[in-house]
Amino acid sequence: MKNRLLFLLFFFVVSVRGQLVTYPAAPNITEDNTFIYPSPYYKVELIQNDKNVHDFVYCMTPMHTTNNSKSTSWVNFSFDGEVKVRVTNLVKPIDYLEVLPKSAGIAIQKENDSVAVFTISKPGHYSIEFEKGVFVDHPLLVFANPLEEHIPDKDDPNVIFFEPGYHEIGDLNEVPTGKTVYIAGGAYLMGQFQANDVSGVKIRGRGILSGEAYEARTKNHMVTMRNADSIEMEGITMIHAPRYFVALRGRDHYLRNLKMMGWWFSTDGISAGENTLIENCFFKVNDDAVKLYQENTEVRNCVIWQLENGAPFMISWNGSKDFGNIHVHDIDIIRVEHHWDNENLAVICAIHGGKANISDFTIENLRINNSKWRIFHLVTRPNRWGKWDPYQGSLSNFTFRNIEFFGKQSIKSLIMGHDKYHPIKNILFENVVIDNKRQTIFKDFLIIDKTNTNNILIR
């Protein structure tokens, strides 16, 4: 009995005190590197159990000339318990402070003119805001991971193990079926992974996968797997993609705690197969963050920073096979940098030009900050990406619930069916709040084409 009490006391003390793991920077990350280098803008100190650790602050430069941010800095660590974060702004006095997402409820305080402090008690992806508005110059992101579980043995023949350091893997790096690719914290991989006709592949760790060597559309997606089942990805950071970050076909995929930051047009986040769960991921991408193109997809607890091109959630350009049963929920969209009138610029978007009948979507509990564009853009019509069928192709049975938009739309949302063969029908808006006002009249926020839409409801 005494030994049991001692064990419980020890477990309680360890749980309360917590644990903090930081990672070394790879040797290629120097001031002379064009693509990734030590941040000249911020210094970050982590404090737990009266121990202070200086965490390496990464910085990456935008690769597309129209990107609004001049750079992005970030830190990456794993922990449990509670961690105090002290941030020093190295370039200007602090006159504005906020931590996004707002739903995290993190209070930040100014310690002096250049230092801010805050405390986190659970893993998450946070943006430390020193500027107010949609467009900011040099943001700082904090990727606070959960502690890793079941780190694989590097001598296991089923494990491809990348230790801390710099690794050039090339753009045709094939992963065999059943293998685990482990990218340790402090490992920096330059290249891409691909696979065909595989199952049970895992890519995980706390390291970085970079596509810095490839200009836009010159190579494939960062992780491409075709005819692939039961793919798992967890924990890694991916940067500088020339196309999508993750493109999976097949079914039964599980993607969690991925961090994706890219600049080129056509830098989409995730497109995955049927029966996919995407959770606790961070997106800062310059095309669609999540493609909702496949049956039985769930997306939850993600944080999205949408750059100027694409939509946080794209439903269809060219769907040719009927699909549905999509659930998106508990999402924080912390910034949407739309500022020019293109058809794919909305938070939730469909320009459906294929023959699929797309139905049974529930999108709920979305919180949208730092956005001035439209929330919804749902249309059926021919487009350059679709194979138009003159007699079929529709959107139906959509529920949008608990959508909160902190600001005003500069351009109204739109629902428009193309003709009687391509209708949009049975759409429910429930508790849509814009600029702190619950919407009760469609004309206040939404244009509806009544000719080819029906049963559009608000409550």
Protein backbone atom coordinates (compact mmCIF):
# COMPACT_ATOMS: atom_id res chain seq x y z
CA MET A 1 0.00 0.00 0.00
CA LYS A 2 2.84 2.35 0.89
CA ASN A 3 4.61 1.71 -2.43
CA ARG A 4 1.39 2.37 -4.31
CA LEU A 5 0.94 5.71 -2.53
CA LEU A 6 4.53 6.68 -3.32
CA PHE A 7 3.98 5.80 -6.99
CA LEU A 8 0.80 7.86 -7.14
CA LEU A 9 2.54 10.80 -5.47
CA PHE A 10 5.45 10.56 -7.94
CA PHE A 11 3.04 10.38 -10.91
CA PHE A 12 1.13 13.39 -9.62
CA VAL A 13 4.30 15.47 -9.15
CA VAL A 14 5.60 14.60 -12.65
CA SER A 15 2.21 15.39 -14.19
CA VAL A 16 2.01 18.76 -12.44
CA ARG A 17 5.59 19.73 -13.16
CA GLY A 18 5.39 18.75 -16.79
CA GLN A 19 8.01 18.07 -19.43
CA LEU A 20 9.50 20.22 -22.19
CA VAL A 21 11.39 19.02 -25.28
CA THR A 22 13.12 21.37 -27.72
CA TYR A 23 15.03 20.48 -30.88
CA PRO A 24 18.35 21.61 -32.40
CA ALA A 25 18.49 23.44 -35.71
CA ALA A 26 20.01 21.57 -38.65
CA PRO A 27 23.43 22.87 -39.85
CA ASN A 28 22.03 24.22 -43.14
CA ILE A 29 19.92 26.79 -41.29
CA THR A 30 22.28 29.77 -41.29
CA GLU A 31 22.10 33.50 -41.97
CA ASP A 32 23.38 32.81 -45.50
CA ASN A 33 20.53 30.48 -46.43
CA THR A 34 17.99 32.14 -48.74
CA PHE A 35 15.08 29.85 -47.84
CA ILE A 36 15.34 29.21 -44.10
CA TYR A 37 17.50 30.94 -41.51
CA PRO A 38 17.57 32.07 -37.87
CA SER A 39 14.89 34.68 -37.36
CA PRO A 40 16.25 38.23 -37.13
CA TYR A 41 12.87 39.38 -35.78
CA TYR A 42 12.22 37.37 -32.63
CA LYS A 43 13.87 35.60 -29.73
CA VAL A 44 11.85 33.01 -27.79
CA GLU A 45 12.48 31.68 -24.29
CA LEU A 46 10.53 28.79 -22.77
CA ILE A 47 10.18 28.55 -19.02
CA GLN A 48 9.04 25.47 -17.13
CA ASN A 49 9.81 24.40 -13.54
CA ASP A 50 12.10 27.42 -13.07
CA LYS A 51 14.26 26.29 -16.00
CA ASN A 52 14.76 28.63 -18.95
CA VAL A 53 15.41 27.32 -22.47
CA HIS A 54 16.09 29.46 -25.53
CA ASP A 55 14.17 27.81 -28.38
CA PHE A 56 15.50 28.18 -31.91
CA VAL A 57 13.38 30.59 -33.97
CA TYR A 58 13.11 29.68 -37.66
CA CYS A 59 12.39 32.16 -40.41
CA MET A 60 11.37 31.66 -44.04
CA THR A 61 11.13 34.18 -46.87
CA PRO A 62 8.12 34.27 -49.23
CA MET A 63 8.80 32.78 -52.64
CA HIS A 64 6.00 34.51 -54.54
CA THR A 65 6.30 38.22 -55.26
CA THR A 66 2.72 39.09 -54.33
CA ASN A 67 2.79 37.48 -50.87
CA ASN A 68 1.84 40.04 -48.25
CA SER A 69 3.99 38.77 -45.39
CA LYS A 70 7.65 39.57 -45.91
CA SER A 71 8.63 36.53 -43.83
CA THR A 72 7.25 34.04 -41.33
CA SER A 73 9.02 33.04 -38.11
CA TRP A 74 8.16 30.08 -35.93
CA VAL A 75 9.22 27.95 -33.00
CA ASN A 76 8.56 24.24 -32.56
CA PHE A 77 8.66 22.28 -29.31
CA SER A 78 6.81 19.49 -27.46
CA PHE A 79 5.53 19.58 -23.90
CA ASP A 80 3.00 18.67 -21.30
CA GLY A 81 2.04 20.51 -18.16
CA GLU A 82 2.41 24.28 -18.42
CA VAL A 83 4.95 26.44 -20.26
CA LYS A 84 5.55 30.17 -20.04
CA VAL A 85 6.65 31.68 -23.36
CA ARG A 86 8.68 34.88 -23.38
CA VAL A 87 8.99 36.57 -26.77
CA THR A 88 11.42 39.38 -27.52
CA ASN A 89 10.61 41.53 -30.53
CA LEU A 90 14.04 42.42 -31.93
CA VAL A 91 12.96 45.02 -34.49
CA LYS A 92 10.39 47.37 -33.00
CA PRO A 93 8.68 48.41 -29.76
CA ILE A 94 5.53 46.50 -28.89
CA ASP A 95 2.36 48.56 -29.26
CA TYR A 96 -0.15 45.77 -30.03
CA LEU A 97 -0.48 42.26 -28.60
CA GLU A 98 -2.85 39.35 -29.15
CA VAL A 99 -2.65 35.58 -29.36
CA LEU A 100 -4.73 33.83 -32.00
CA PRO A 101 -6.83 31.80 -32.19
CA LYS A 102 -9.09 33.72 -29.85
CA SER A 103 -10.81 30.50 -28.83
CA ALA A 104 -7.62 29.42 -27.03
CA GLY A 105 -8.29 32.17 -24.48
CA ILE A 106 -4.60 32.97 -23.97
CA ALA A 107 -3.82 36.23 -22.23
CA ILE A 108 -0.60 37.92 -23.30
CA GLN A 109 1.11 40.70 -21.40
CA LYS A 110 3.83 43.20 -22.15
CA GLU A 111 6.79 42.78 -19.82
CA ASN A 112 8.54 45.81 -21.26
CA ASP A 113 8.66 47.68 -24.59
CA SER A 114 10.20 44.71 -26.43
CA VAL A 115 9.16 41.62 -24.42
CA ALA A 116 5.80 39.85 -24.22
CA VAL A 117 4.90 36.83 -22.06
CA PHE A 118 2.07 34.32 -22.03
CA THR A 119 1.40 30.83 -20.68
CA ILE A 120 0.08 27.78 -22.51
CA SER A 121 -1.25 24.69 -20.81
CA LYS A 122 -2.23 22.56 -23.80
CA PRO A 123 -0.77 21.77 -27.22
CA GLY A 124 -1.84 23.93 -30.12
CA HIS A 125 -0.83 26.21 -32.97
CA TYR A 126 -0.70 29.88 -32.02
CA SER A 127 -0.03 33.16 -33.83
CA ILE A 128 1.55 35.91 -31.75
CA GLU A 129 0.11 39.11 -33.15
CA PHE A 130 2.23 42.28 -32.98
CA GLU A 131 0.24 43.98 -35.75
CA LYS A 132 -3.48 44.47 -36.18
CA GLY A 133 -5.27 43.71 -39.44
CA VAL A 134 -5.49 41.28 -42.32
CA PHE A 135 -1.98 41.91 -43.68
CA VAL A 136 1.09 41.72 -41.42
CA ASP A 137 4.80 41.88 -42.19
CA HIS A 138 6.71 39.44 -39.98
CA PRO A 139 4.42 37.09 -38.05
CA LEU A 140 5.56 34.72 -35.29
CA LEU A 141 3.95 31.28 -35.00
CA VAL A 142 4.26 28.96 -32.03
CA PHE A 143 3.87 25.23 -32.71
CA ALA A 144 3.40 23.67 -29.29
CA ASN A 145 3.23 19.92 -29.89
CA PRO A 146 2.15 17.18 -27.53
CA LEU A 147 4.94 14.95 -26.29
CA GLU A 148 5.80 12.19 -28.74
CA GLU A 149 4.62 8.68 -28.02
CA HIS A 150 6.23 5.44 -29.14
CA ILE A 151 9.30 6.84 -30.89
CA PRO A 152 10.41 4.01 -33.20
CA ASP A 153 13.69 2.15 -32.90
CA LYS A 154 16.11 3.38 -35.55
CA ASP A 155 17.42 -0.18 -35.95
CA ASP A 156 13.96 -1.57 -36.76
CA PRO A 157 14.04 -2.80 -40.41
CA ASN A 158 10.53 -1.40 -40.91
CA VAL A 159 11.66 2.11 -39.96
CA ILE A 160 13.34 4.70 -42.18
CA PHE A 161 14.92 6.87 -39.52
CA PHE A 162 16.20 10.41 -40.14
CA GLU A 163 18.26 11.67 -37.23
CA PRO A 164 18.83 15.35 -36.46
CA GLY A 165 20.80 17.06 -39.22
CA TYR A 166 20.50 17.90 -42.91
CA HIS A 167 19.37 15.25 -45.42
CA GLU A 168 18.90 15.56 -49.18
CA ILE A 169 16.41 12.87 -50.15
CA GLY A 170 15.46 13.96 -53.69
CA ASP A 171 12.02 14.34 -55.24
CA LEU A 172 11.46 10.66 -56.11
CA ASN A 173 11.96 9.18 -52.65
CA GLU A 174 9.74 6.08 -52.59
CA VAL A 175 8.27 4.66 -49.39
CA PRO A 176 7.58 0.91 -49.41
CA THR A 177 4.35 -0.51 -48.02
CA GLY A 178 4.21 -0.93 -44.27
CA LYS A 179 7.21 1.31 -43.57
CA THR A 180 7.41 4.09 -40.97
CA VAL A 181 9.35 7.19 -41.96
CA TYR A 182 10.50 8.89 -38.78
CA ILE A 183 11.79 12.48 -39.07
CA ALA A 184 13.30 13.35 -35.71
CA GLY A 185 13.11 16.81 -34.23
CA GLY A 186 16.13 18.67 -35.55
CA ALA A 187 16.13 16.73 -38.83
CA TYR A 188 15.79 18.81 -42.00
CA LEU A 189 14.88 16.90 -45.16
CA MET A 190 15.11 18.54 -48.55
CA GLY A 191 12.96 16.63 -51.02
CA GLN A 192 9.67 14.77 -51.37
CA PHE A 193 8.07 11.40 -50.64
CA GLN A 194 5.96 9.34 -52.99
CA ALA A 195 4.43 5.88 -53.15
CA ASN A 196 2.11 3.82 -55.34
CA ASP A 197 0.02 0.78 -54.42
CA VAL A 198 0.94 0.84 -50.72
CA SER A 199 -0.76 0.50 -47.36
CA GLY A 200 0.15 1.10 -43.77
CA VAL A 201 2.76 3.80 -44.45
CA LYS A 202 3.48 6.24 -41.61
CA ILE A 203 5.36 9.54 -41.76
CA ARG A 204 5.88 11.10 -38.35
CA GLY A 205 8.19 12.99 -36.04
CA ARG A 206 9.00 16.60 -35.18
CA GLY A 207 11.39 17.43 -38.03
CA ILE A 208 11.07 19.51 -41.21
CA LEU A 209 10.39 18.48 -44.82
CA SER A 210 11.23 21.23 -47.33
CA GLY A 211 10.58 21.70 -51.05
CA GLU A 212 12.78 24.79 -51.27
CA ALA A 213 14.66 23.46 -54.29
CA TYR A 214 11.55 23.43 -56.49
CA GLU A 215 9.81 26.37 -58.06
CA ALA A 216 6.04 26.44 -58.47
CA ARG A 217 4.62 23.45 -60.35
CA THR A 218 8.08 22.17 -61.32
CA LYS A 219 7.81 19.03 -59.19
CA ASN A 220 5.11 16.91 -57.64
CA HIS A 221 3.35 17.32 -54.32
CA MET A 222 5.45 17.08 -51.16
CA VAL A 223 3.85 13.78 -50.15
CA THR A 224 2.15 11.90 -53.01
CA MET A 225 0.61 8.47 -52.57
CA ARG A 226 -1.63 6.89 -55.17
CA ASN A 227 -3.81 3.84 -54.65
CA ALA A 228 -2.79 4.00 -51.00
CA ASP A 229 -4.71 2.83 -47.95
CA SER A 230 -4.30 3.47 -44.24
CA ILE A 231 -1.71 6.25 -44.50
CA GLU A 232 -0.82 8.08 -41.28
CA MET A 233 1.05 11.35 -40.94
CA GLU A 234 1.78 13.11 -37.67
CA GLY A 235 3.81 15.91 -36.19
CA ILE A 236 6.15 17.08 -38.96
CA THR A 237 6.51 20.59 -40.37
CA MET A 238 6.43 21.03 -44.16
CA ILE A 239 7.57 24.20 -45.95
CA HIS A 240 8.10 25.64 -49.45
CA ALA A 241 5.90 23.20 -51.38
CA PRO A 242 5.82 23.62 -55.19
CA ARG A 243 2.33 22.06 -55.33
CA TYR A 244 0.19 20.38 -52.66
CA PHE A 245 1.69 19.49 -49.32
CA VAL A 246 -0.23 16.21 -49.04
CA ALA A 247 -2.00 14.40 -51.90
CA LEU A 248 -3.32 10.96 -50.98
CA ARG A 249 -5.58 8.68 -52.94
CA GLY A 250 -7.16 5.49 -51.67
CA ARG A 251 -8.90 5.41 -48.29
CA ASP A 252 -8.68 5.27 -44.50
CA HIS A 253 -6.11 8.00 -43.87
CA TYR A 254 -5.28 9.75 -40.59
CA LEU A 255 -3.49 13.11 -40.63
CA ARG A 256 -2.82 15.01 -37.41
CA ASN A 257 -0.67 17.81 -36.06
CA LEU A 258 0.89 18.65 -39.43
CA LYS A 259 2.25 22.16 -39.93
CA MET A 260 2.27 23.44 -43.53
CA MET A 261 3.64 26.78 -44.78
CA GLY A 262 4.02 27.59 -48.46
CA TRP A 263 3.93 30.57 -50.79
CA TRP A 264 3.45 29.62 -54.43
CA PHE A 265 0.09 29.71 -56.17
CA SER A 266 -1.13 26.08 -56.31
CA THR A 267 0.37 25.41 -52.90
CA ASP A 268 -2.64 23.54 -51.51
CA GLY A 269 -2.69 21.93 -48.11
CA ILE A 270 -4.34 18.49 -47.98
CA SER A 271 -6.27 16.42 -50.50
CA ALA A 272 -6.93 12.91 -49.23
CA GLY A 273 -9.03 9.85 -49.98
CA GLU A 274 -12.25 8.41 -48.60
CA ASN A 275 -12.65 7.85 -44.87
CA THR A 276 -10.05 10.43 -43.87
CA LEU A 277 -9.66 12.20 -40.53
CA ILE A 278 -7.70 15.46 -40.50
CA GLU A 279 -7.20 16.98 -37.06
CA ASN A 280 -5.08 19.48 -35.14
CA CYS A 281 -3.26 20.69 -38.27
CA PHE A 282 -1.94 24.15 -39.16
CA PHE A 283 -2.15 25.62 -42.67
CA LYS A 284 -0.51 28.74 -44.06
CA VAL A 285 -0.98 28.09 -47.77
CA ASN A 286 -1.52 29.98 -51.01
CA ASP A 287 -4.23 27.78 -52.46
CA ASP A 288 -6.99 25.69 -50.92
CA ALA A 289 -6.15 24.53 -47.41
CA VAL A 290 -8.40 21.46 -47.42
CA LYS A 291 -9.98 19.80 -50.45
CA LEU A 292 -13.32 18.31 -49.39
CA TYR A 293 -13.50 16.04 -52.41
CA GLN A 294 -14.00 12.54 -50.98
CA GLU A 295 -16.67 10.55 -49.17
CA ASN A 296 -16.64 10.34 -45.37
CA THR A 297 -14.17 13.11 -44.59
CA GLU A 298 -13.87 14.70 -41.16
CA VAL A 299 -11.80 17.83 -40.44
CA ARG A 300 -11.60 19.11 -36.88
CA ASN A 301 -9.64 21.34 -34.52
CA CYS A 302 -7.44 22.92 -37.18
CA VAL A 303 -5.97 26.43 -37.50
CA ILE A 304 -5.86 28.07 -40.93
CA TRP A 305 -4.03 31.15 -42.22
CA GLN A 306 -5.25 31.54 -45.79
CA LEU A 307 -3.01 33.50 -48.15
CA GLU A 308 -4.34 35.49 -51.11
CA ASN A 309 -5.27 32.57 -53.37
CA GLY A 310 -7.69 29.71 -52.77
CA ALA A 311 -10.20 28.86 -50.07
CA PRO A 312 -9.79 27.37 -46.62
CA PHE A 313 -12.37 24.76 -47.70
CA MET A 314 -12.85 23.89 -51.37
CA ILE A 315 -15.76 21.59 -52.17
CA SER A 316 -15.50 21.15 -55.94
CA TRP A 317 -14.21 22.42 -59.24
CA ASN A 318 -14.76 19.25 -61.21
CA GLY A 319 -16.24 16.46 -59.08
CA SER A 320 -17.32 13.61 -61.34
CA LYS A 321 -18.31 10.98 -58.74
CA ASP A 322 -21.14 11.47 -56.23
CA PHE A 323 -19.89 11.95 -52.69
CA GLY A 324 -20.91 13.29 -49.31
CA ASN A 325 -21.02 12.67 -45.58
CA ILE A 326 -18.53 15.45 -44.85
CA HIS A 327 -18.13 16.93 -41.37
CA VAL A 328 -15.99 20.00 -40.71
CA HIS A 329 -16.05 21.39 -37.21
CA ASP A 330 -14.24 23.39 -34.55
CA ILE A 331 -11.99 25.32 -36.92
CA ASP A 332 -10.15 28.60 -36.29
CA ILE A 333 -9.43 30.60 -39.43
CA ILE A 334 -7.10 33.26 -38.08
CA ARG A 335 -6.49 35.20 -41.28
CA VAL A 336 -7.83 35.32 -44.87
CA GLU A 337 -5.73 37.54 -47.15
CA HIS A 338 -8.20 37.73 -50.04
CA HIS A 339 -8.18 41.13 -51.69
CA TRP A 340 -8.92 40.60 -55.40
CA ASP A 341 -12.12 39.35 -56.97
CA ASN A 342 -11.52 35.81 -58.17
CA GLU A 343 -14.22 33.15 -58.16
CA ASN A 344 -12.38 30.82 -55.78
CA LEU A 345 -11.92 33.41 -53.05
CA ALA A 346 -14.24 32.62 -50.15
CA VAL A 347 -13.89 30.79 -46.87
CA ILE A 348 -16.18 27.97 -48.04
CA CYS A 349 -16.22 27.56 -51.80
CA ALA A 350 -17.62 25.42 -54.61
CA ILE A 351 -17.45 26.21 -58.31
CA HIS A 352 -18.94 22.88 -59.27
CA GLY A 353 -18.35 22.08 -62.94
CA GLY A 354 -18.57 18.29 -62.86
CA LYS A 355 -21.41 15.78 -62.99
CA ALA A 356 -21.26 14.70 -59.32
CA ASN A 357 -24.22 15.15 -57.04
CA ILE A 358 -22.54 16.46 -53.90
CA SER A 359 -24.56 16.26 -50.70
CA ASP A 360 -24.70 15.85 -46.93
CA PHE A 361 -22.19 18.39 -45.64
CA THR A 362 -22.16 19.75 -42.10
CA ILE A 363 -19.79 22.63 -41.48
CA GLU A 364 -20.04 24.02 -37.96
CA ASN A 365 -18.25 25.90 -35.22
CA LEU A 366 -16.05 28.04 -37.47
CA ARG A 367 -14.42 31.18 -36.11
CA ILE A 368 -13.06 33.56 -38.76
CA ASN A 369 -10.69 36.42 -37.86
CA ASN A 370 -8.87 39.02 -39.93
CA SER A 371 -10.97 38.60 -43.05
CA LYS A 372 -12.80 41.15 -45.17
CA TRP A 373 -13.94 38.96 -48.07
CA ARG A 374 -16.96 36.70 -48.45
CA ILE A 375 -17.69 33.63 -46.36
CA PHE A 376 -19.68 31.49 -48.83
CA HIS A 377 -19.43 31.07 -52.58
CA LEU A 378 -21.46 28.09 -53.80
CA VAL A 379 -22.22 27.88 -57.52
CA THR A 380 -22.70 25.26 -60.22
CA ARG A 381 -21.42 26.23 -63.65
CA PRO A 382 -18.95 25.23 -66.38
CA ASN A 383 -15.35 26.10 -65.57
CA ARG A 384 -11.90 25.45 -66.99
CA TRP A 385 -11.16 22.61 -64.56
CA GLY A 386 -14.44 20.72 -64.92
CA LYS A 387 -15.85 18.23 -67.42
CA TRP A 388 -19.34 19.65 -67.77
CA ASP A 389 -22.31 17.33 -68.09
CA PRO A 390 -25.35 19.23 -69.45
CA TYR A 391 -27.83 17.15 -67.46
CA GLN A 392 -26.36 16.53 -64.02
CA GLY A 393 -24.25 18.01 -61.25
CA SER A 394 -25.71 19.50 -58.06
CA LEU A 395 -25.12 20.64 -54.48
CA SER A 396 -27.67 19.68 -51.82
CA ASN A 397 -28.28 19.06 -48.13
CA PHE A 398 -25.69 21.40 -46.62
CA THR A 399 -25.82 22.70 -43.04
CA PHE A 400 -23.74 25.67 -41.94
CA ARG A 401 -24.02 26.07 -38.18
CA ASN A 402 -22.35 28.39 -35.67
CA ILE A 403 -20.28 30.39 -38.13
CA GLU A 404 -18.76 33.48 -36.51
CA PHE A 405 -17.09 36.10 -38.68
CA PHE A 406 -15.23 38.81 -36.75
CA GLY A 407 -15.54 41.65 -39.25
CA LYS A 408 -17.59 42.68 -42.26
CA GLN A 409 -17.78 41.11 -45.70
CA SER A 410 -16.60 43.55 -48.35
CA ILE A 411 -18.31 41.38 -50.96
CA LYS A 412 -21.51 39.47 -50.27
CA SER A 413 -21.67 35.69 -50.17
CA LEU A 414 -23.34 33.94 -53.11
CA ILE A 415 -25.45 30.85 -53.82
CA MET A 416 -26.29 30.30 -57.50
CA GLY A 417 -27.38 27.22 -59.43
CA HIS A 418 -26.61 27.16 -63.15
CA ASP A 419 -29.90 25.79 -64.51
CA LYS A 420 -32.63 23.27 -63.67
CA TYR A 421 -30.28 20.34 -64.23
CA HIS A 422 -27.61 21.77 -61.92
CA PRO A 423 -29.51 23.05 -58.87
CA ILE A 424 -28.43 24.01 -55.39
CA LYS A 425 -31.03 22.97 -52.82
CA ASN A 426 -31.72 22.22 -49.17
CA ILE A 427 -29.19 24.57 -47.61
CA LEU A 428 -29.55 25.52 -43.93
CA PHE A 429 -27.81 28.44 -42.24
CA GLU A 430 -28.06 28.25 -38.48
CA ASN A 431 -26.58 30.86 -36.15
CA VAL A 432 -24.40 32.79 -38.59
CA VAL A 433 -22.87 35.79 -36.80
CA ILE A 434 -21.15 38.57 -38.74
CA ASP A 435 -19.59 41.55 -36.98
CA ASN A 436 -21.27 40.50 -33.70
CA LYS A 437 -24.70 40.42 -35.32
CA ARG A 438 -26.69 37.23 -35.78
CA GLN A 439 -27.93 37.09 -39.37
CA THR A 440 -31.69 36.64 -39.79
CA ILE A 441 -32.25 38.10 -43.27
CA PHE A 442 -30.47 36.67 -46.29
CA LYS A 443 -30.15 39.95 -48.16
CA ASP A 444 -27.95 41.33 -45.38
CA PHE A 445 -25.07 38.96 -46.14
CA LEU A 446 -25.98 36.63 -49.01
CA ILE A 447 -27.09 36.82 -52.65
CA ILE A 448 -29.33 33.93 -53.71
CA ASP A 449 -30.24 33.15 -57.30
CA LYS A 450 -33.85 32.05 -56.80
CA THR A 451 -34.25 30.57 -60.27
CA ASN A 452 -32.08 27.50 -59.76
CA THR A 453 -31.90 27.25 -56.00
CA ASN A 454 -34.60 26.12 -53.62
CA ASN A 455 -35.21 25.48 -49.96
CA ILE A 456 -32.51 27.81 -48.69
CA LEU A 457 -33.28 28.41 -45.00
CA ILE A 458 -31.93 30.53 -42.16
CA ARG A 459 -32.57 30.18 -38.46
